[in-house]
Amino acid sequence: MNLGPTELIILLVIVLLLFGVGRVSRIGGELGSAVANFRKGLDQGAREAAASSEEAAAEKKAEEA
């Protein structure tokens, strides 16, 4: 299902009519902060995984010595 520019504009107009400009902008702001928090969580998880991997490698190296 491909949406062209005309369909997107019509969809946007319908959403604005149903919810109003104020509510749509608030929902957009909440969606933006949710995406930012999701990215922050992904970065934190990646850092923790890297640290855990480094610790495991250091322990294995210490066991071999």
PDB file of N, CA and C in Angstrom:
ATOM      1  N   MET A   1       0.839  -1.170   0.000  1.00  0.00           N
ATOM      2  CA  MET A   1       0.000   0.000   0.000  1.00  0.00           C
ATOM      3  C   MET A   1       0.888   1.238   0.000  1.00  0.00           C
ATOM      4  N   ASN A   2       1.013   1.870  -1.129  1.00  0.00           N
ATOM      5  CA  ASN A   2       1.816   3.089  -1.256  1.00  0.00           C
ATOM      6  C   ASN A   2       0.921   4.311  -1.166  1.00  0.00           C
ATOM      7  N   LEU A   3       1.314   5.242  -0.308  1.00  0.00           N
ATOM      8  CA  LEU A   3       0.575   6.492  -0.186  1.00  0.00           C
ATOM      9  C   LEU A   3       1.340   7.592  -0.901  1.00  0.00           C
ATOM     10  N   GLY A   4       0.670   8.266  -1.796  1.00  0.00           N
ATOM     11  CA  GLY A   4       1.278   9.381  -2.499  1.00  0.00           C
ATOM     12  C   GLY A   4       1.077  10.670  -1.724  1.00  0.00           C
ATOM     13  N   PRO A   5       1.626  11.758  -2.236  1.00  0.00           N
ATOM     14  CA  PRO A   5       1.501  13.046  -1.548  1.00  0.00           C
ATOM     15  C   PRO A   5       0.046  13.494  -1.377  1.00  0.00           C
ATOM     16  N   THR A   6      -0.782  13.241  -2.355  1.00  0.00           N
ATOM     17  CA  THR A   6      -2.183  13.654  -2.274  1.00  0.00           C
ATOM     18  C   THR A   6      -2.902  12.913  -1.150  1.00  0.00           C
ATOM     19  N   GLU A   7      -2.678  11.613  -1.048  1.00  0.00           N
ATOM     20  CA  GLU A   7      -3.312  10.826  -0.002  1.00  0.00           C
ATOM     21  C   GLU A   7      -2.832  11.264   1.385  1.00  0.00           C
ATOM     22  N   LEU A   8      -1.540  11.582   1.500  1.00  0.00           N
ATOM     23  CA  LEU A   8      -1.004  12.037   2.789  1.00  0.00           C
ATOM     24  C   LEU A   8      -1.618  13.371   3.208  1.00  0.00           C
ATOM     25  N   ILE A   9      -1.806  14.273   2.258  1.00  0.00           N
ATOM     26  CA  ILE A   9      -2.419  15.576   2.559  1.00  0.00           C
ATOM     27  C   ILE A   9      -3.870  15.387   2.999  1.00  0.00           C
ATOM     28  N   ILE A  10      -4.597  14.544   2.304  1.00  0.00           N
ATOM     29  CA  ILE A  10      -5.989  14.272   2.671  1.00  0.00           C
ATOM     30  C   ILE A  10      -6.052  13.655   4.070  1.00  0.00           C
ATOM     31  N   LEU A  11      -5.174  12.727   4.362  1.00  0.00           N
ATOM     32  CA  LEU A  11      -5.121  12.095   5.675  1.00  0.00           C
ATOM     33  C   LEU A  11      -4.809  13.119   6.762  1.00  0.00           C
ATOM     34  N   LEU A  12      -3.869  14.004   6.504  1.00  0.00           N
ATOM     35  CA  LEU A  12      -3.520  15.051   7.462  1.00  0.00           C
ATOM     36  C   LEU A  12      -4.706  15.975   7.730  1.00  0.00           C
ATOM     37  N   VAL A  13      -5.430  16.355   6.691  1.00  0.00           N
ATOM     38  CA  VAL A  13      -6.605  17.225   6.851  1.00  0.00           C
ATOM     39  C   VAL A  13      -7.668  16.524   7.696  1.00  0.00           C
ATOM     40  N   ILE A  14      -7.888  15.253   7.457  1.00  0.00           N
ATOM     41  CA  ILE A  14      -8.883  14.499   8.227  1.00  0.00           C
ATOM     42  C   ILE A  14      -8.475  14.423   9.695  1.00  0.00           C
ATOM     43  N   VAL A  15      -7.203  14.165   9.953  1.00  0.00           N
ATOM     44  CA  VAL A  15      -6.717  14.097  11.332  1.00  0.00           C
ATOM     45  C   VAL A  15      -6.878  15.449  12.018  1.00  0.00           C
ATOM     46  N   LEU A  16      -6.542  16.526  11.314  1.00  0.00           N
ATOM     47  CA  LEU A  16      -6.699  17.864  11.893  1.00  0.00           C
ATOM     48  C   LEU A  16      -8.160  18.167  12.198  1.00  0.00           C
ATOM     49  N   LEU A  17      -9.057  17.754  11.326  1.00  0.00           N
ATOM     50  CA  LEU A  17     -10.483  17.990  11.567  1.00  0.00           C
ATOM     51  C   LEU A  17     -10.996  17.179  12.759  1.00  0.00           C
ATOM     52  N   LEU A  18     -10.514  15.970  12.902  1.00  0.00           N
ATOM     53  CA  LEU A  18     -10.980  15.115  13.992  1.00  0.00           C
ATOM     54  C   LEU A  18     -10.439  15.554  15.355  1.00  0.00           C
ATOM     55  N   PHE A  19      -9.147  15.868  15.424  1.00  0.00           N
ATOM     56  CA  PHE A  19      -8.505  16.111  16.713  1.00  0.00           C
ATOM     57  C   PHE A  19      -8.235  17.585  17.003  1.00  0.00           C
ATOM     58  N   GLY A  20      -8.110  18.407  16.011  1.00  0.00           N
ATOM     59  CA  GLY A  20      -7.783  19.813  16.226  1.00  0.00           C
ATOM     60  C   GLY A  20      -6.280  20.021  16.244  1.00  0.00           C
ATOM     61  N   VAL A  21      -5.872  21.252  15.958  1.00  0.00           N
ATOM     62  CA  VAL A  21      -4.450  21.578  15.830  1.00  0.00           C
ATOM     63  C   VAL A  21      -3.715  21.414  17.156  1.00  0.00           C
ATOM     64  N   GLY A  22      -4.322  21.865  18.249  1.00  0.00           N
ATOM     65  CA  GLY A  22      -3.661  21.801  19.551  1.00  0.00           C
ATOM     66  C   GLY A  22      -3.352  20.383  19.986  1.00  0.00           C
ATOM     67  N   ARG A  23      -4.316  19.507  19.812  1.00  0.00           N
ATOM     68  CA  ARG A  23      -4.118  18.124  20.226  1.00  0.00           C
ATOM     69  C   ARG A  23      -3.126  17.410  19.320  1.00  0.00           C
ATOM     70  N   VAL A  24      -3.161  17.692  18.026  1.00  0.00           N
ATOM     71  CA  VAL A  24      -2.221  17.061  17.100  1.00  0.00           C
ATOM     72  C   VAL A  24      -0.792  17.492  17.425  1.00  0.00           C
ATOM     73  N   SER A  25      -0.595  18.773  17.750  1.00  0.00           N
ATOM     74  CA  SER A  25       0.754  19.235  18.075  1.00  0.00           C
ATOM     75  C   SER A  25       1.233  18.611  19.386  1.00  0.00           C
ATOM     76  N   ARG A  26       0.332  18.456  20.356  1.00  0.00           N
ATOM     77  CA  ARG A  26       0.701  17.808  21.618  1.00  0.00           C
ATOM     78  C   ARG A  26       1.080  16.346  21.386  1.00  0.00           C
ATOM     79  N   ILE A  27       0.313  15.652  20.568  1.00  0.00           N
ATOM     80  CA  ILE A  27       0.614  14.254  20.249  1.00  0.00           C
ATOM     81  C   ILE A  27       1.951  14.155  19.533  1.00  0.00           C
ATOM     82  N   GLY A  28       2.219  15.096  18.630  1.00  0.00           N
ATOM     83  CA  GLY A  28       3.512  15.109  17.934  1.00  0.00           C
ATOM     84  C   GLY A  28       4.669  15.303  18.890  1.00  0.00           C
ATOM     85  N   GLY A  29       4.502  16.211  19.854  1.00  0.00           N
ATOM     86  CA  GLY A  29       5.545  16.440  20.848  1.00  0.00           C
ATOM     87  C   GLY A  29       5.785  15.214  21.712  1.00  0.00           C
ATOM     88  N   GLU A  30       4.696  14.555  22.111  1.00  0.00           N
ATOM     89  CA  GLU A  30       4.826  13.345  22.916  1.00  0.00           C
ATOM     90  C   GLU A  30       5.481  12.226  22.115  1.00  0.00           C
ATOM     91  N   LEU A  31       5.148  12.133  20.862  1.00  0.00           N
ATOM     92  CA  LEU A  31       5.760  11.115  20.009  1.00  0.00           C
ATOM     93  C   LEU A  31       7.248  11.381  19.839  1.00  0.00           C
ATOM     94  N   GLY A  32       7.614  12.655  19.676  1.00  0.00           N
ATOM     95  CA  GLY A  32       9.029  13.011  19.549  1.00  0.00           C
ATOM     96  C   GLY A  32       9.812  12.679  20.802  1.00  0.00           C
ATOM     97  N   SER A  33       9.248  12.967  21.979  1.00  0.00           N
ATOM     98  CA  SER A  33       9.963  12.645  23.219  1.00  0.00           C
ATOM     99  C   SER A  33      10.026  11.134  23.430  1.00  0.00           C
ATOM    100  N   ALA A  34       9.009  10.408  22.990  1.00  0.00           N
ATOM    101  CA  ALA A  34       9.044   8.947  23.099  1.00  0.00           C
ATOM    102  C   ALA A  34      10.156   8.364  22.227  1.00  0.00           C
ATOM    103  N   VAL A  35      10.302   8.887  21.025  1.00  0.00           N
ATOM    104  CA  VAL A  35      11.368   8.420  20.141  1.00  0.00           C
ATOM    105  C   VAL A  35      12.737   8.748  20.736  1.00  0.00           C
ATOM    106  N   ALA A  36      12.871   9.941  21.316  1.00  0.00           N
ATOM    107  CA  ALA A  36      14.142  10.332  21.944  1.00  0.00           C
ATOM    108  C   ALA A  36      14.473   9.414  23.110  1.00  0.00           C
ATOM    109  N   ASN A  37      13.481   9.091  23.935  1.00  0.00           N
ATOM    110  CA  ASN A  37      13.713   8.174  25.054  1.00  0.00           C
ATOM    111  C   ASN A  37      14.052   6.773  24.565  1.00  0.00           C
ATOM    112  N   PHE A  38      13.424   6.339  23.487  1.00  0.00           N
ATOM    113  CA  PHE A  38      13.727   5.021  22.919  1.00  0.00           C
ATOM    114  C   PHE A  38      15.170   4.965  22.441  1.00  0.00           C
ATOM    115  N   ARG A  39      15.609   5.993  21.726  1.00  0.00           N
ATOM    116  CA  ARG A  39      16.997   6.044  21.255  1.00  0.00           C
ATOM    117  C   ARG A  39      17.971   6.082  22.421  1.00  0.00           C
ATOM    118  N   LYS A  40      17.630   6.840  23.460  1.00  0.00           N
ATOM    119  CA  LYS A  40      18.468   6.928  24.648  1.00  0.00           C
ATOM    120  C   LYS A  40      18.600   5.549  25.298  1.00  0.00           C
ATOM    121  N   GLY A  41      17.495   4.828  25.380  1.00  0.00           N
ATOM    122  CA  GLY A  41      17.515   3.475  25.936  1.00  0.00           C
ATOM    123  C   GLY A  41      18.350   2.519  25.097  1.00  0.00           C
ATOM    124  N   LEU A  42      18.253   2.641  23.778  1.00  0.00           N
ATOM    125  CA  LEU A  42      19.062   1.794  22.902  1.00  0.00           C
ATOM    126  C   LEU A  42      20.550   2.069  23.085  1.00  0.00           C
ATOM    127  N   ASP A  43      20.908   3.339  23.175  1.00  0.00           N
ATOM    128  CA  ASP A  43      22.315   3.701  23.380  1.00  0.00           C
ATOM    129  C   ASP A  43      22.827   3.175  24.716  1.00  0.00           C
ATOM    130  N   GLN A  44      22.003   3.313  25.751  1.00  0.00           N
ATOM    131  CA  GLN A  44      22.408   2.839  27.071  1.00  0.00           C
ATOM    132  C   GLN A  44      22.559   1.319  27.061  1.00  0.00           C
ATOM    133  N   GLY A  45      21.649   0.624  26.421  1.00  0.00           N
ATOM    134  CA  GLY A  45      21.739  -0.831  26.327  1.00  0.00           C
ATOM    135  C   GLY A  45      22.974  -1.272  25.564  1.00  0.00           C
ATOM    136  N   ALA A  46      23.314  -0.554  24.507  1.00  0.00           N
ATOM    137  CA  ALA A  46      24.503  -0.889  23.728  1.00  0.00           C
ATOM    138  C   ALA A  46      25.770  -0.676  24.554  1.00  0.00           C
ATOM    139  N   ARG A  47      25.801   0.414  25.332  1.00  0.00           N
ATOM    140  CA  ARG A  47      26.966   0.661  26.192  1.00  0.00           C
ATOM    141  C   ARG A  47      27.105  -0.416  27.262  1.00  0.00           C
ATOM    142  N   GLU A  48      25.972  -0.818  27.856  1.00  0.00           N
ATOM    143  CA  GLU A  48      26.015  -1.858  28.879  1.00  0.00           C
ATOM    144  C   GLU A  48      26.450  -3.190  28.283  1.00  0.00           C
ATOM    145  N   ALA A  49      25.980  -3.503  27.090  1.00  0.00           N
ATOM    146  CA  ALA A  49      26.367  -4.746  26.434  1.00  0.00           C
ATOM    147  C   ALA A  49      27.855  -4.739  26.108  1.00  0.00           C
ATOM    148  N   ALA A  50      28.372  -3.606  25.646  1.00  0.00           N
ATOM    149  CA  ALA A  50      29.797  -3.507  25.334  1.00  0.00           C
ATOM    150  C   ALA A  50      30.633  -3.657  26.596  1.00  0.00           C
ATOM    151  N   ALA A  51      30.194  -3.033  27.685  1.00  0.00           N
ATOM    152  CA  ALA A  51      30.929  -3.137  28.948  1.00  0.00           C
ATOM    153  C   ALA A  51      30.912  -4.571  29.457  1.00  0.00           C
ATOM    154  N   SER A  52      29.782  -5.227  29.354  1.00  0.00           N
ATOM    155  CA  SER A  52      29.666  -6.618  29.789  1.00  0.00           C
ATOM    156  C   SER A  52      30.559  -7.518  28.947  1.00  0.00           C
ATOM    157  N   SER A  53      30.599  -7.260  27.656  1.00  0.00           N
ATOM    158  CA  SER A  53      31.436  -8.045  26.754  1.00  0.00           C
ATOM    159  C   SER A  53      32.912  -7.858  27.081  1.00  0.00           C
ATOM    160  N   GLU A  54      33.295  -6.618  27.370  1.00  0.00           N
ATOM    161  CA  GLU A  54      34.688  -6.343  27.728  1.00  0.00           C
ATOM    162  C   GLU A  54      35.058  -7.025  29.042  1.00  0.00           C
ATOM    163  N   GLU A  55      34.136  -7.017  30.016  1.00  0.00           N
ATOM    164  CA  GLU A  55      34.396  -7.674  31.286  1.00  0.00           C
ATOM    165  C   GLU A  55      34.561  -9.177  31.095  1.00  0.00           C
ATOM    166  N   ALA A  56      33.704  -9.766  30.282  1.00  0.00           N
ATOM    167  CA  ALA A  56      33.786 -11.202  30.029  1.00  0.00           C
ATOM    168  C   ALA A  56      35.099 -11.552  29.335  1.00  0.00           C
ATOM    169  N   ALA A  57      35.525 -10.722  28.398  1.00  0.00           N
ATOM    170  CA  ALA A  57      36.790 -10.970  27.699  1.00  0.00           C
ATOM    171  C   ALA A  57      37.964 -10.853  28.663  1.00  0.00           C
ATOM    172  N   ALA A  58      37.907  -9.877  29.567  1.00  0.00           N
ATOM    173  CA  ALA A  58      38.985  -9.704  30.548  1.00  0.00           C
ATOM    174  C   ALA A  58      39.028 -10.884  31.502  1.00  0.00           C
ATOM    175  N   GLU A  59      37.883 -11.392  31.951  1.00  0.00           N
ATOM    176  CA  GLU A  59      37.852 -12.548  32.839  1.00  0.00           C
ATOM    177  C   GLU A  59      38.395 -13.787  32.149  1.00  0.00           C
ATOM    178  N   LYS A  60      38.026 -13.976  30.886  1.00  0.00           N
ATOM    179  CA  LYS A  60      38.504 -15.147  30.131  1.00  0.00           C
ATOM    180  C   LYS A  60      40.009 -15.065  29.959  1.00  0.00           C
ATOM    181  N   LYS A  61      40.513 -13.880  29.673  1.00  0.00           N
ATOM    182  CA  LYS A  61      41.955 -13.683  29.494  1.00  0.00           C
ATOM    183  C   LYS A  61      42.691 -13.961  30.816  1.00  0.00           C
ATOM    184  N   ALA A  62      42.087 -13.532  31.936  1.00  0.00           N
ATOM    185  CA  ALA A  62      42.703 -13.759  33.246  1.00  0.00           C
ATOM    186  C   ALA A  62      42.710 -15.236  33.592  1.00  0.00           C
ATOM    187  N   GLU A  63      41.684 -15.970  33.197  1.00  0.00           N
ATOM    188  CA  GLU A  63      41.619 -17.406  33.459  1.00  0.00           C
ATOM    189  C   GLU A  63      42.661 -18.167  32.662  1.00  0.00           C
ATOM    190  N   GLU A  64      42.937 -17.706  31.450  1.00  0.00           N
ATOM    191  CA  GLU A  64      43.906 -18.377  30.592  1.00  0.00           C
ATOM    192  C   GLU A  64      45.332 -18.169  31.085  1.00  0.00           C
ATOM    193  N   ALA A  65      45.559 -17.083  31.766  1.00  0.00           N
ATOM    194  CA  ALA A  65      46.932 -16.768  32.217  1.00  0.00           C
ATOM    195  C   ALA A  65      47.319 -17.532  33.436  1.00  0.00           C
TER     196      ALA A  65
END
